[in-house]
Amino acid sequence: MTARVVQVLPDVSAIDRVFDYEVIERDDPRVRIGSIVRIDLHGRRVRGWVVAEGAGAAGDVVLKAIAKVSPGHVPADLVDLSSWAAWRWAGKRRSFLATASQPQPVVTFGRGAPKSDDQLRESTPEWARAAFESPQSVVRLGPAIDPWPIVVAAAERGPALVLVPSLARVDLMHRRLREAGIRGVTVGARAGAWVACDGLASVVVVDAHDEVYTEERAPTWNAWRVVAARAARAGVACALTSSTPTVEQLDWGTLVETDRNTERRGWARIEILDRRGDDPRTGLWSSRAVDAIRSAGRTLCILNRTGRAKLAACAKCSTIATCEKCAGAVHQVEAAELICGRCGTTRPTLCLVCGGTKLKLLRVGTARAAEELSALIGAPVAEVTGASAAVPDTKAIVGTEALLHRVGRADLVVFVDLDSELSAPRYQANEEALALLARASRVVRGRFGDGRLLVQTRQPDHPVLLAAAANDPARLTDTDRQMRQDLALPPFAALAQVSGVAAPVFVDGLRGQLGVEVTGPDNHEAFLVRAPNHQTLCDALARVERPIGRLRVSVDPVRA
């Protein structure tokens, strides 16, 4: 009797190819595409996935038997999708199959009877129904507008997969679905893009612009792009919701808008404080901001610089404080110590030129900003960063943007130095800055409450601020789209960032390939690879053999 042979991809980081194994029990239903098995490979037993039926090796080979069938299973459609994702993000297939095999913090409800068309029209607004009239849609909602109607509309179509940005929102969505008695919905965060969903009928991604949907480790896959591809393969509708949809998302799908009044109510009242005429001696805090903080309730002050100072100079000779080893700028975490952000070298607060021990803080961080604000308002001010264990119950808090994700409600949000975000050296800087303002609008409940935003800036006419003040993200999108087209940036090109010790060897293999342009290295020894589209880029990355040594390839880099 002919042996039954399957192809197994081992879960070993150093190996990225499949091997043929024999199934002892030919009719064993547990061994099928997507089964998780244990195999003997090079003298040790490892986990693997069955990725195909039949032999793949050429010629006569000695087959080994599958040692064990493990619990769990990856659906065949996700096994196939993992092959595409490995090509799309220049990664190893095992990374995606490992994600699909992990127990995910998702909530799945059994399917229930759908409502009638009349009931659907009565309970769902027009913009939520319009989200599924196109196979690919982007629904622009004001930051404080609840996307719940879209989830309800998706559930009415049958089994739905819903992605939300955080585990806390997974729990919240779970409670709402349970209280509403809605069934047939699978909810997850970023890794939920790889969760099984039998009979998938629609996909929803809430706050699709959020960076949390992008995996920071290589391969740098993006959850909304994964589920969009998954929906396209299944022939079902995919809807993204966002208060500030990106240019790439608008290029991907059909825009669906709410009425103007509904969108406007989702944005907070914004006051722009022009600091161009302020006396430099007033420091970080304008008098208008201090007065507003004194009179407001719970206040969040956002400054994306941690520590006491990110840039300092000697008070005696005005020399910028730099590292004696690598010449990088040093920053102050504690009052008596300077640390280099590039090489980690520490030294006392001492000028290398004149020996002075007093510094002028040119660019202060959250710790120093909290100290100054406390003295100005005459009340305690807490500091919160991404590393903080808890959020203190004080009237005013100074922190990084992580504060906007850790505090659900506030009366006032002050952006202490938004210019650092507006002028960031990234092509996505405008989108990221507008998304920050949108997140703050949600924290103060838009125009549904009395909350407001204060923005200190020396660029009051910046397109981001004009768009936010007008409650109209399209103003920025139109500007950014033209700029990217002129400069050949996504979505009018495809980018990848290559770094690591082996990067020079790898990019040498890319140079000269048709349609591929390589620039660099930059100050961080990283190379930028550009192509007119992802087909050209990903094909080129796949053709080049990976050299020995540390190599990181980031397709669609977030910080380019």
Protein backbone atom coordinates (compact mmCIF):
# COMPACT_ATOMS: atom_id res chain seq x y z
CA MET A 1 0.00 0.00 0.00
CA THR A 2 1.35 3.42 -0.94
CA ALA A 3 2.33 5.51 2.06
CA ARG A 4 0.44 8.68 2.80
CA VAL A 5 2.90 11.56 2.73
CA VAL A 6 2.44 15.11 4.03
CA GLN A 7 4.70 18.15 3.95
CA VAL A 8 5.62 19.57 7.35
CA LEU A 9 7.07 22.99 8.12
CA PRO A 10 9.16 22.73 11.34
CA ASP A 11 8.92 25.39 14.02
CA VAL A 12 12.65 26.09 13.98
CA SER A 13 13.91 29.63 13.44
CA ALA A 14 16.98 28.55 11.47
CA ILE A 15 14.96 26.44 8.98
CA ASP A 16 12.52 27.87 6.47
CA ARG A 17 11.58 24.91 4.27
CA VAL A 18 9.25 21.94 4.39
CA PHE A 19 10.07 18.24 4.82
CA ASP A 20 8.19 15.10 3.78
CA TYR A 21 6.86 12.83 6.55
CA GLU A 22 4.85 9.64 6.49
CA VAL A 23 1.48 9.23 8.18
CA ILE A 24 1.47 5.74 9.71
CA GLU A 25 -2.31 5.50 9.91
CA ARG A 26 -3.29 6.49 6.38
CA ASP A 27 -6.86 7.36 7.34
CA ASP A 28 -5.96 9.24 10.53
CA PRO A 29 -8.34 12.27 10.38
CA ARG A 30 -6.18 14.19 12.83
CA VAL A 31 -3.43 14.61 10.24
CA ARG A 32 -4.59 17.12 7.66
CA ILE A 33 -3.53 20.54 6.39
CA GLY A 34 -3.11 22.77 9.43
CA SER A 35 -2.52 19.95 11.95
CA ILE A 36 0.10 20.65 14.62
CA VAL A 37 2.47 17.71 14.91
CA ARG A 38 5.73 16.63 16.50
CA ILE A 39 8.48 15.40 14.20
CA ASP A 40 12.02 14.06 14.53
CA LEU A 41 14.36 16.51 12.81
CA HIS A 42 18.16 16.31 12.90
CA GLY A 43 18.19 14.28 16.08
CA ARG A 44 15.65 16.23 18.10
CA ARG A 45 11.89 16.36 18.33
CA VAL A 46 10.28 19.66 17.31
CA ARG A 47 6.85 21.09 16.63
CA GLY A 48 5.67 21.55 13.06
CA TRP A 49 2.63 22.21 10.88
CA VAL A 50 1.24 20.12 8.07
CA VAL A 51 1.15 22.57 5.16
CA ALA A 52 0.38 20.28 2.20
CA GLU A 53 -0.67 16.77 1.22
CA GLY A 54 1.65 14.63 -0.90
CA ALA A 55 5.39 14.48 -1.36
CA GLY A 56 7.30 17.61 -2.26
CA ALA A 57 10.86 16.26 -2.34
CA ALA A 58 12.32 15.15 -5.66
CA GLY A 59 13.72 11.65 -6.03
CA ASP A 60 13.79 8.78 -3.55
CA VAL A 61 13.91 9.84 0.07
CA VAL A 62 13.71 7.87 3.29
CA LEU A 63 10.52 8.96 4.99
CA LYS A 64 10.28 9.42 8.73
CA ALA A 65 6.98 8.96 10.50
CA ILE A 66 5.17 11.77 12.28
CA ALA A 67 5.98 11.19 15.93
CA LYS A 68 2.86 12.69 17.48
CA VAL A 69 -0.24 14.69 16.64
CA SER A 70 -0.59 17.61 19.06
CA PRO A 71 -3.80 19.34 20.12
CA GLY A 72 -4.86 22.33 18.08
CA HIS A 73 -5.28 23.04 14.40
CA VAL A 74 -4.71 25.96 12.02
CA PRO A 75 -7.50 26.28 9.41
CA ALA A 76 -6.44 25.54 5.85
CA ASP A 77 -7.26 29.07 4.69
CA LEU A 78 -4.85 30.51 7.28
CA VAL A 79 -2.15 28.03 6.26
CA ASP A 80 -2.48 29.32 2.71
CA LEU A 81 -2.58 32.94 3.94
CA SER A 82 0.66 32.41 5.87
CA SER A 83 2.48 31.75 2.60
CA TRP A 84 1.26 35.07 1.18
CA ALA A 85 2.11 36.95 4.41
CA ALA A 86 5.66 35.55 4.42
CA TRP A 87 6.11 36.95 0.91
CA ARG A 88 4.36 40.24 1.65
CA TRP A 89 6.46 41.09 4.74
CA ALA A 90 9.67 39.26 3.78
CA GLY A 91 9.48 36.98 6.80
CA LYS A 92 9.39 33.34 7.70
CA ARG A 93 6.16 31.42 7.33
CA ARG A 94 6.58 29.83 10.72
CA SER A 95 6.14 33.25 12.41
CA PHE A 96 2.58 33.52 11.11
CA LEU A 97 1.68 29.89 11.77
CA ALA A 98 2.98 30.27 15.35
CA THR A 99 0.70 33.28 15.83
CA ALA A 100 -2.25 31.35 14.40
CA SER A 101 -1.49 28.44 16.78
CA GLN A 102 -1.40 30.46 19.99
CA PRO A 103 -4.42 30.57 22.27
CA GLN A 104 -5.81 34.03 21.52
CA PRO A 105 -7.67 36.36 23.92
CA VAL A 106 -10.76 36.37 21.72
CA VAL A 107 -14.45 36.05 22.36
CA THR A 108 -16.61 33.92 20.10
CA PHE A 109 -20.39 33.67 20.32
CA GLY A 110 -22.44 30.94 18.73
CA ARG A 111 -24.43 32.01 15.71
CA GLY A 112 -27.93 33.32 16.33
CA ALA A 113 -30.93 34.06 14.17
CA PRO A 114 -30.49 37.28 12.14
CA LYS A 115 -32.96 40.13 12.40
CA SER A 116 -35.34 40.95 9.58
CA ASP A 117 -34.51 43.71 7.11
CA ASP A 118 -37.09 45.99 8.74
CA GLN A 119 -35.52 45.50 12.18
CA LEU A 120 -32.09 46.19 10.73
CA ARG A 121 -33.17 49.50 9.18
CA GLU A 122 -34.69 50.62 12.47
CA SER A 123 -31.63 49.81 14.62
CA THR A 124 -28.70 50.64 12.33
CA PRO A 125 -27.81 54.10 10.97
CA GLU A 126 -27.34 54.60 7.25
CA TRP A 127 -23.54 54.99 7.46
CA ALA A 128 -23.19 51.62 9.23
CA ARG A 129 -25.19 49.84 6.53
CA ALA A 130 -23.21 51.63 3.81
CA ALA A 131 -19.99 50.17 5.27
CA PHE A 132 -20.84 46.79 3.73
CA GLU A 133 -22.19 47.94 0.38
CA SER A 134 -18.63 47.86 -0.96
CA PRO A 135 -16.24 44.91 -0.53
CA GLN A 136 -13.59 47.33 0.78
CA SER A 137 -14.67 50.40 2.75
CA VAL A 138 -13.18 52.95 5.12
CA VAL A 139 -15.70 54.50 7.52
CA ARG A 140 -14.57 57.89 8.86
CA LEU A 141 -16.05 58.57 12.28
CA GLY A 142 -15.45 61.43 14.70
CA PRO A 143 -13.08 60.29 17.49
CA ALA A 144 -15.85 60.14 20.12
CA ILE A 145 -18.44 58.51 17.83
CA ASP A 146 -19.19 54.92 18.85
CA PRO A 147 -18.40 52.34 16.10
CA TRP A 148 -20.83 49.88 17.71
CA PRO A 149 -23.47 50.17 14.92
CA ILE A 150 -20.94 48.80 12.41
CA VAL A 151 -20.30 45.77 14.63
CA VAL A 152 -24.07 45.19 14.84
CA ALA A 153 -24.44 45.51 11.07
CA ALA A 154 -21.58 43.03 10.57
CA ALA A 155 -23.18 40.51 12.96
CA GLU A 156 -26.42 40.68 10.98
CA ARG A 157 -24.60 39.37 7.91
CA GLY A 158 -23.39 36.20 9.65
CA PRO A 159 -20.17 35.17 11.44
CA ALA A 160 -18.02 38.30 11.80
CA LEU A 161 -14.41 38.91 12.76
CA VAL A 162 -13.87 42.19 14.66
CA LEU A 163 -10.46 43.61 15.56
CA VAL A 164 -10.01 46.26 18.25
CA PRO A 165 -6.73 47.92 19.31
CA SER A 166 -6.35 46.54 22.85
CA LEU A 167 -7.24 43.67 25.15
CA ALA A 168 -9.21 46.08 27.34
CA ARG A 169 -11.43 46.86 24.37
CA VAL A 170 -11.78 43.15 23.63
CA ASP A 171 -13.27 42.78 27.11
CA LEU A 172 -15.50 45.81 26.60
CA MET A 173 -16.78 44.49 23.28
CA HIS A 174 -17.39 41.12 24.92
CA ARG A 175 -19.63 42.69 27.55
CA ARG A 176 -21.56 44.74 25.00
CA LEU A 177 -22.18 41.76 22.74
CA ARG A 178 -23.31 39.64 25.66
CA GLU A 179 -25.65 42.34 26.99
CA ALA A 180 -27.12 42.89 23.52
CA GLY A 181 -27.55 39.16 22.95
CA ILE A 182 -25.63 39.34 19.65
CA ARG A 183 -24.10 36.10 18.43
CA GLY A 184 -21.74 35.02 15.70
CA VAL A 185 -18.96 37.52 16.44
CA THR A 186 -15.28 36.77 17.04
CA VAL A 187 -13.39 39.65 18.69
CA GLY A 188 -9.64 40.00 19.05
CA ALA A 189 -6.73 42.43 19.14
CA ARG A 190 -3.80 42.41 16.67
CA ALA A 191 -3.16 38.65 16.84
CA GLY A 192 -6.90 38.12 16.32
CA ALA A 193 -6.22 38.59 12.61
CA TRP A 194 -5.05 34.95 12.66
CA VAL A 195 -7.96 33.49 14.63
CA ALA A 196 -10.19 30.83 13.09
CA CYS A 197 -13.66 32.05 12.13
CA ASP A 198 -15.84 29.41 10.47
CA GLY A 199 -18.19 30.66 7.77
CA LEU A 200 -16.67 34.16 7.80
CA ALA A 201 -19.21 36.65 6.41
CA SER A 202 -17.63 40.06 7.20
CA VAL A 203 -14.62 41.73 8.81
CA VAL A 204 -14.45 44.95 10.86
CA VAL A 205 -11.28 46.72 12.06
CA VAL A 206 -11.93 49.42 14.67
CA ASP A 207 -9.49 52.38 14.74
CA ALA A 208 -7.57 50.94 11.79
CA HIS A 209 -5.11 53.87 11.84
CA ASP A 210 -3.74 52.78 15.25
CA GLU A 211 -0.05 51.82 15.13
CA VAL A 212 -0.72 48.97 17.56
CA TYR A 213 -1.97 46.90 14.62
CA THR A 214 1.60 46.77 13.26
CA GLU A 215 3.93 44.16 14.72
CA GLU A 216 7.16 45.84 15.83
CA ARG A 217 9.24 42.67 15.52
CA ALA A 218 10.18 41.39 12.09
CA PRO A 219 8.24 40.38 10.09
CA THR A 220 6.46 43.72 10.58
CA TRP A 221 3.02 42.57 9.48
CA ASN A 222 -0.07 44.73 9.86
CA ALA A 223 -3.32 43.26 11.15
CA TRP A 224 -5.70 45.30 9.01
CA ARG A 225 -3.87 44.31 5.85
CA VAL A 226 -3.94 40.63 6.90
CA VAL A 227 -7.71 40.60 7.52
CA ALA A 228 -8.30 42.63 4.35
CA ALA A 229 -6.50 39.94 2.35
CA ARG A 230 -8.36 37.28 4.28
CA ALA A 231 -11.72 38.89 3.49
CA ALA A 232 -10.83 39.26 -0.20
CA ARG A 233 -9.93 35.56 -0.43
CA ALA A 234 -13.21 34.62 1.25
CA GLY A 235 -15.18 37.00 -0.98
CA VAL A 236 -16.66 38.93 1.95
CA ALA A 237 -16.79 42.63 2.87
CA CYS A 238 -14.10 44.27 5.00
CA ALA A 239 -14.79 47.61 6.75
CA LEU A 240 -12.19 49.77 8.48
CA THR A 241 -13.29 52.44 10.94
CA SER A 242 -11.05 55.40 11.71
CA SER A 243 -11.27 59.00 12.84
CA THR A 244 -8.12 59.77 10.84
CA PRO A 245 -7.82 57.24 8.01
CA THR A 246 -4.38 57.09 6.43
CA VAL A 247 -3.64 57.83 2.79
CA GLU A 248 -2.91 54.12 2.25
CA GLN A 249 -6.28 53.11 3.70
CA LEU A 250 -8.17 55.63 1.59
CA ASP A 251 -6.29 54.37 -1.46
CA TRP A 252 -7.35 50.80 -0.55
CA GLY A 253 -11.07 51.25 0.10
CA THR A 254 -14.18 53.31 -0.59
CA LEU A 255 -14.68 56.19 1.84
CA VAL A 256 -17.93 56.17 3.86
CA GLU A 257 -18.76 59.33 5.79
CA THR A 258 -21.30 60.19 8.45
CA ASP A 259 -23.22 63.43 8.17
CA ARG A 260 -21.20 66.54 8.96
CA ASN A 261 -22.86 67.26 12.32
CA THR A 262 -22.28 63.72 13.57
CA GLU A 263 -18.59 63.79 12.68
CA ARG A 264 -18.12 67.26 14.16
CA ARG A 265 -19.63 66.20 17.50
CA GLY A 266 -16.93 63.55 17.77
CA TRP A 267 -14.13 66.13 17.76
CA ALA A 268 -13.27 68.25 20.80
CA ARG A 269 -13.05 72.03 20.89
CA ILE A 270 -9.43 72.92 20.13
CA GLU A 271 -7.64 76.09 21.20
CA ILE A 272 -4.33 76.76 19.47
CA LEU A 273 -1.84 78.77 21.54
CA ASP A 274 0.59 80.55 19.22
CA ARG A 275 3.90 80.85 21.07
CA ARG A 276 5.89 82.64 18.37
CA GLY A 277 5.64 85.97 20.19
CA ASP A 278 6.23 84.63 23.72
CA ASP A 279 9.22 85.72 25.75
CA PRO A 280 11.73 82.81 25.65
CA ARG A 281 12.20 83.20 29.39
CA THR A 282 8.67 81.94 30.03
CA GLY A 283 9.98 78.44 29.38
CA LEU A 284 7.89 75.44 28.45
CA TRP A 285 4.57 76.63 29.85
CA SER A 286 2.65 79.61 28.46
CA SER A 287 0.64 81.74 30.89
CA ARG A 288 -2.58 80.83 29.04
CA ALA A 289 -1.91 77.11 29.49
CA VAL A 290 -1.12 77.54 33.19
CA ASP A 291 -4.35 79.48 33.77
CA ALA A 292 -6.36 76.85 31.92
CA ILE A 293 -4.83 74.03 33.98
CA ARG A 294 -5.54 75.86 37.24
CA SER A 295 -9.21 76.32 36.41
CA ALA A 296 -9.89 72.93 34.75
CA GLY A 297 -10.70 69.62 36.34
CA ARG A 298 -8.69 66.49 35.49
CA THR A 299 -5.90 67.59 33.14
CA LEU A 300 -3.52 65.55 31.02
CA CYS A 301 -0.40 67.25 29.67
CA ILE A 302 1.25 65.39 26.78
CA LEU A 303 4.99 65.65 26.15
CA ASN A 304 6.69 62.82 24.25
CA ARG A 305 10.05 63.20 25.97
CA THR A 306 10.83 61.23 29.12
CA GLY A 307 13.34 62.09 31.85
CA ARG A 308 14.47 65.55 32.98
CA ALA A 309 16.09 66.79 29.76
CA LYS A 310 16.61 65.41 26.25
CA LEU A 311 19.00 68.20 25.22
CA ALA A 312 21.17 70.32 27.50
CA ALA A 313 24.01 72.83 27.24
CA CYS A 314 26.59 74.12 29.65
CA ALA A 315 25.32 77.22 31.45
CA LYS A 316 28.84 78.67 31.43
CA CYS A 317 30.13 78.13 27.87
CA SER A 318 26.87 77.08 26.09
CA THR A 319 28.45 73.90 24.66
CA ILE A 320 25.91 71.19 23.88
CA ALA A 321 26.36 68.23 26.23
CA THR A 322 27.53 65.23 24.17
CA CYS A 323 28.97 61.78 24.80
CA GLU A 324 32.76 61.52 25.12
CA LYS A 325 32.76 58.12 23.39
CA CYS A 326 30.39 58.43 20.40
CA ALA A 327 29.66 62.21 20.30
CA GLY A 328 25.91 61.58 20.52
CA ALA A 329 23.67 63.97 22.46
CA VAL A 330 23.28 62.97 26.10
CA HIS A 331 20.11 63.35 28.13
CA GLN A 332 19.45 63.84 31.81
CA VAL A 333 17.38 61.27 33.68
CA GLU A 334 18.48 62.07 37.21
CA ALA A 335 19.69 65.48 38.36
CA ALA A 336 23.29 64.32 38.87
CA GLU A 337 23.74 62.03 35.87
CA LEU A 338 23.90 62.24 32.07
CA ILE A 339 23.34 59.23 29.83
CA CYS A 340 23.98 58.73 26.12
CA GLY A 341 20.96 57.45 24.22
CA ARG A 342 23.20 56.02 21.46
CA CYS A 343 25.79 53.93 23.35
CA GLY A 344 24.50 54.01 26.94
CA THR A 345 27.58 55.67 28.48
CA THR A 346 26.86 57.54 31.73
CA ARG A 347 28.77 60.34 33.40
CA PRO A 348 28.27 63.02 36.06
CA THR A 349 26.68 66.36 35.13
CA LEU A 350 29.94 67.91 33.94
CA CYS A 351 30.85 69.96 30.86
CA LEU A 352 33.63 68.29 28.83
CA VAL A 353 34.93 71.67 27.59
CA CYS A 354 35.07 73.99 30.59
CA GLY A 355 34.30 71.66 33.49
CA GLY A 356 31.12 73.51 34.45
CA THR A 357 28.60 71.60 36.56
CA LYS A 358 25.46 73.61 35.77
CA LEU A 359 23.38 72.90 32.69
CA LYS A 360 20.78 74.84 30.71
CA LEU A 361 17.91 72.50 29.83
CA LEU A 362 17.17 73.20 26.17
CA ARG A 363 14.62 70.43 25.68
CA VAL A 364 13.10 69.24 28.93
CA GLY A 365 11.40 65.89 29.49
CA THR A 366 8.31 64.84 31.42
CA ALA A 367 10.01 64.72 34.82
CA ARG A 368 11.29 68.30 34.65
CA ALA A 369 8.05 69.52 33.03
CA ALA A 370 6.03 68.07 35.91
CA GLU A 371 8.27 69.83 38.44
CA GLU A 372 7.89 73.19 36.67
CA LEU A 373 4.11 72.87 36.31
CA SER A 374 3.71 71.94 39.97
CA ALA A 375 5.53 75.14 40.97
CA LEU A 376 3.41 77.22 38.59
CA ILE A 377 -0.04 75.96 39.67
CA GLY A 378 0.86 75.42 43.33
CA ALA A 379 -0.40 71.82 43.39
CA PRO A 380 1.10 68.34 43.04
CA VAL A 381 1.62 67.17 39.45
CA ALA A 382 2.31 63.51 38.68
CA GLU A 383 4.44 62.07 35.88
CA VAL A 384 3.27 59.05 33.86
CA THR A 385 5.13 57.29 31.03
CA GLY A 386 4.76 53.94 29.33
CA ALA A 387 6.93 52.43 32.07
CA SER A 388 4.79 53.75 34.95
CA ALA A 389 3.05 51.08 37.02
CA ALA A 390 -0.08 53.10 37.79
CA VAL A 391 -1.76 56.44 37.09
CA PRO A 392 -1.86 58.64 40.23
CA ASP A 393 -5.13 60.30 41.20
CA THR A 394 -3.90 63.88 40.91
CA LYS A 395 -5.59 66.87 39.30
CA ALA A 396 -2.83 67.32 36.71
CA ILE A 397 -0.59 64.69 35.11
CA VAL A 398 2.33 65.17 32.74
CA GLY A 399 3.20 62.20 30.54
CA THR A 400 3.91 60.78 27.13
CA GLU A 401 1.15 59.83 24.70
CA ALA A 402 0.81 56.55 26.63
CA LEU A 403 -1.20 58.64 29.09
CA LEU A 404 -3.98 59.03 26.52
CA HIS A 405 -4.35 55.24 26.41
CA ARG A 406 -4.26 54.74 30.17
CA VAL A 407 -6.74 57.41 31.25
CA GLY A 408 -10.27 56.99 29.97
CA ARG A 409 -11.68 60.43 30.76
CA ALA A 410 -10.32 63.95 31.33
CA ASP A 411 -11.60 67.53 31.24
CA LEU A 412 -8.61 69.10 29.53
CA VAL A 413 -5.73 67.78 27.42
CA VAL A 414 -2.74 70.06 26.84
CA PHE A 415 -0.18 69.28 24.14
CA VAL A 416 2.89 70.91 25.63
CA ASP A 417 5.12 70.76 22.54
CA LEU A 418 3.24 69.44 19.51
CA ASP A 419 5.88 70.94 17.22
CA SER A 420 8.15 67.98 17.95
CA GLU A 421 5.45 65.71 16.47
CA LEU A 422 4.62 68.01 13.55
CA SER A 423 8.28 68.25 12.55
CA ALA A 424 9.25 64.62 13.14
CA PRO A 425 11.51 63.20 10.38
CA ARG A 426 8.98 60.60 9.21
CA TYR A 427 6.69 60.73 6.20
CA GLN A 428 3.78 59.58 8.42
CA ALA A 429 4.39 62.40 10.95
CA ASN A 430 1.31 64.42 9.94
CA GLU A 431 -0.99 61.40 10.20
CA GLU A 432 0.47 60.45 13.57
CA ALA A 433 0.06 63.99 14.95
CA LEU A 434 -3.57 64.19 13.82
CA ALA A 435 -4.22 60.75 15.33
CA LEU A 436 -2.87 62.07 18.66
CA LEU A 437 -5.32 64.97 18.57
CA ALA A 438 -8.12 62.55 17.69
CA ARG A 439 -7.23 60.30 20.61
CA ALA A 440 -7.26 63.29 22.95
CA SER A 441 -10.66 64.31 21.57
CA ARG A 442 -11.99 60.90 22.55
CA VAL A 443 -10.57 61.23 26.07
CA VAL A 444 -12.44 64.53 26.61
CA ARG A 445 -15.60 63.02 24.96
CA GLY A 446 -15.58 65.30 21.90
CA ARG A 447 -18.41 67.82 21.94
CA PHE A 448 -20.59 65.52 24.04
CA GLY A 449 -19.04 67.07 27.17
CA ASP A 450 -17.30 70.25 28.30
CA GLY A 451 -13.80 68.97 27.65
CA ARG A 452 -11.34 70.70 25.34
CA LEU A 453 -7.84 70.57 23.92
CA LEU A 454 -5.05 73.15 24.20
CA VAL A 455 -2.15 73.00 21.75
CA GLN A 456 1.04 74.97 22.32
CA THR A 457 2.82 75.52 19.02
CA ARG A 458 4.97 77.80 16.94
CA GLN A 459 3.32 76.48 13.76
CA PRO A 460 -0.30 77.58 14.16
CA ASP A 461 -0.94 77.36 10.41
CA HIS A 462 0.28 73.79 10.08
CA PRO A 463 -2.08 71.58 7.98
CA VAL A 464 -2.55 69.18 10.91
CA LEU A 465 -3.81 71.94 13.20
CA LEU A 466 -6.02 73.47 10.52
CA ALA A 467 -7.60 70.06 9.84
CA ALA A 468 -8.17 69.40 13.55
CA ALA A 469 -9.60 72.87 14.20
CA ALA A 470 -12.00 72.42 11.27
CA ASN A 471 -12.88 68.87 12.43
CA ASP A 472 -12.12 67.76 8.88
CA PRO A 473 -9.32 65.17 8.41
CA ALA A 474 -9.83 65.35 4.62
CA ARG A 475 -7.98 68.68 4.60
CA LEU A 476 -4.81 66.94 5.73
CA THR A 477 -5.34 63.84 3.60
CA ASP A 478 -5.54 65.88 0.42
CA THR A 479 -2.31 67.74 1.28
CA ASP A 480 -0.43 64.59 2.28
CA ARG A 481 -1.58 62.67 -0.77
CA GLN A 482 -0.14 65.23 -3.17
CA MET A 483 3.13 65.43 -1.21
CA ARG A 484 3.55 61.64 -1.29
CA GLN A 485 2.79 61.45 -4.97
CA ASP A 486 5.44 64.10 -5.68
CA LEU A 487 8.04 62.33 -3.52
CA ALA A 488 7.17 58.73 -4.52
CA LEU A 489 6.12 57.65 -1.03
CA PRO A 490 3.45 55.08 -0.06
CA PRO A 491 0.88 54.41 -1.45
CA PHE A 492 2.64 55.55 -4.63
CA ALA A 493 5.65 53.36 -3.84
CA ALA A 494 6.58 50.45 -1.59
CA LEU A 495 9.30 50.75 1.06
CA ALA A 496 11.41 48.37 3.11
CA GLN A 497 14.07 49.12 5.69
CA VAL A 498 17.03 46.75 5.96
CA SER A 499 19.33 46.81 8.98
CA GLY A 500 21.69 44.58 10.93
CA VAL A 501 25.24 43.34 10.55
CA ALA A 502 24.40 41.42 7.37
CA ALA A 503 22.47 44.31 5.77
CA PRO A 504 25.27 45.52 3.43
CA VAL A 505 25.64 42.04 1.92
CA PHE A 506 21.88 41.64 1.53
CA VAL A 507 21.30 45.02 -0.16
CA ASP A 508 24.20 44.35 -2.55
CA GLY A 509 22.03 41.56 -3.91
CA LEU A 510 19.15 44.00 -4.35
CA ARG A 511 21.12 46.65 -6.22
CA GLY A 512 20.58 46.48 -9.93
CA GLN A 513 17.31 44.59 -9.76
CA LEU A 514 14.74 46.04 -12.12
CA GLY A 515 12.54 48.67 -10.44
CA VAL A 516 14.38 48.57 -7.09
CA GLU A 517 16.25 51.55 -5.65
CA VAL A 518 18.53 51.27 -2.60
CA THR A 519 19.69 54.26 -0.54
CA GLY A 520 21.77 54.45 2.61
CA PRO A 521 23.07 53.59 5.05
CA ASP A 522 21.66 56.28 7.34
CA ASN A 523 22.91 57.34 10.79
CA HIS A 524 21.57 54.09 12.24
CA GLU A 525 23.30 51.94 9.58
CA ALA A 526 19.95 51.11 7.95
CA PHE A 527 19.24 50.98 4.22
CA LEU A 528 16.00 52.08 2.55
CA VAL A 529 14.71 49.98 -0.36
CA ARG A 530 12.13 51.55 -2.66
CA ALA A 531 10.07 50.01 -5.49
CA PRO A 532 7.05 51.23 -7.49
CA ASN A 533 4.77 48.62 -5.88
CA HIS A 534 4.74 45.73 -3.43
CA GLN A 535 4.78 43.10 -6.16
CA THR A 536 8.15 44.36 -7.38
CA LEU A 537 9.54 44.98 -3.88
CA CYS A 538 8.51 41.67 -2.31
CA ASP A 539 9.57 39.64 -5.33
CA ALA A 540 13.00 41.27 -5.17
CA LEU A 541 13.35 40.64 -1.42
CA ALA A 542 12.33 37.00 -1.92
CA ARG A 543 14.90 36.44 -4.71
CA VAL A 544 17.92 37.51 -2.64
CA GLU A 545 19.45 34.78 -0.47
CA ARG A 546 19.68 35.69 3.18
CA PRO A 547 23.33 35.98 4.30
CA ILE A 548 24.62 34.63 7.60
CA GLY A 549 24.41 37.17 10.39
CA ARG A 550 21.83 39.39 12.02
CA LEU A 551 19.43 40.86 9.48
CA ARG A 552 16.15 42.73 9.91
CA VAL A 553 13.90 43.46 6.96
CA SER A 554 10.95 45.76 7.74
CA VAL A 555 8.44 46.08 4.91
CA ASP A 556 6.20 49.16 5.30
CA PRO A 557 8.44 50.56 8.08
CA VAL A 558 6.53 52.63 10.62
CA ARG A 559 9.42 55.00 11.38
CA ALA A 560 10.81 55.61 7.89
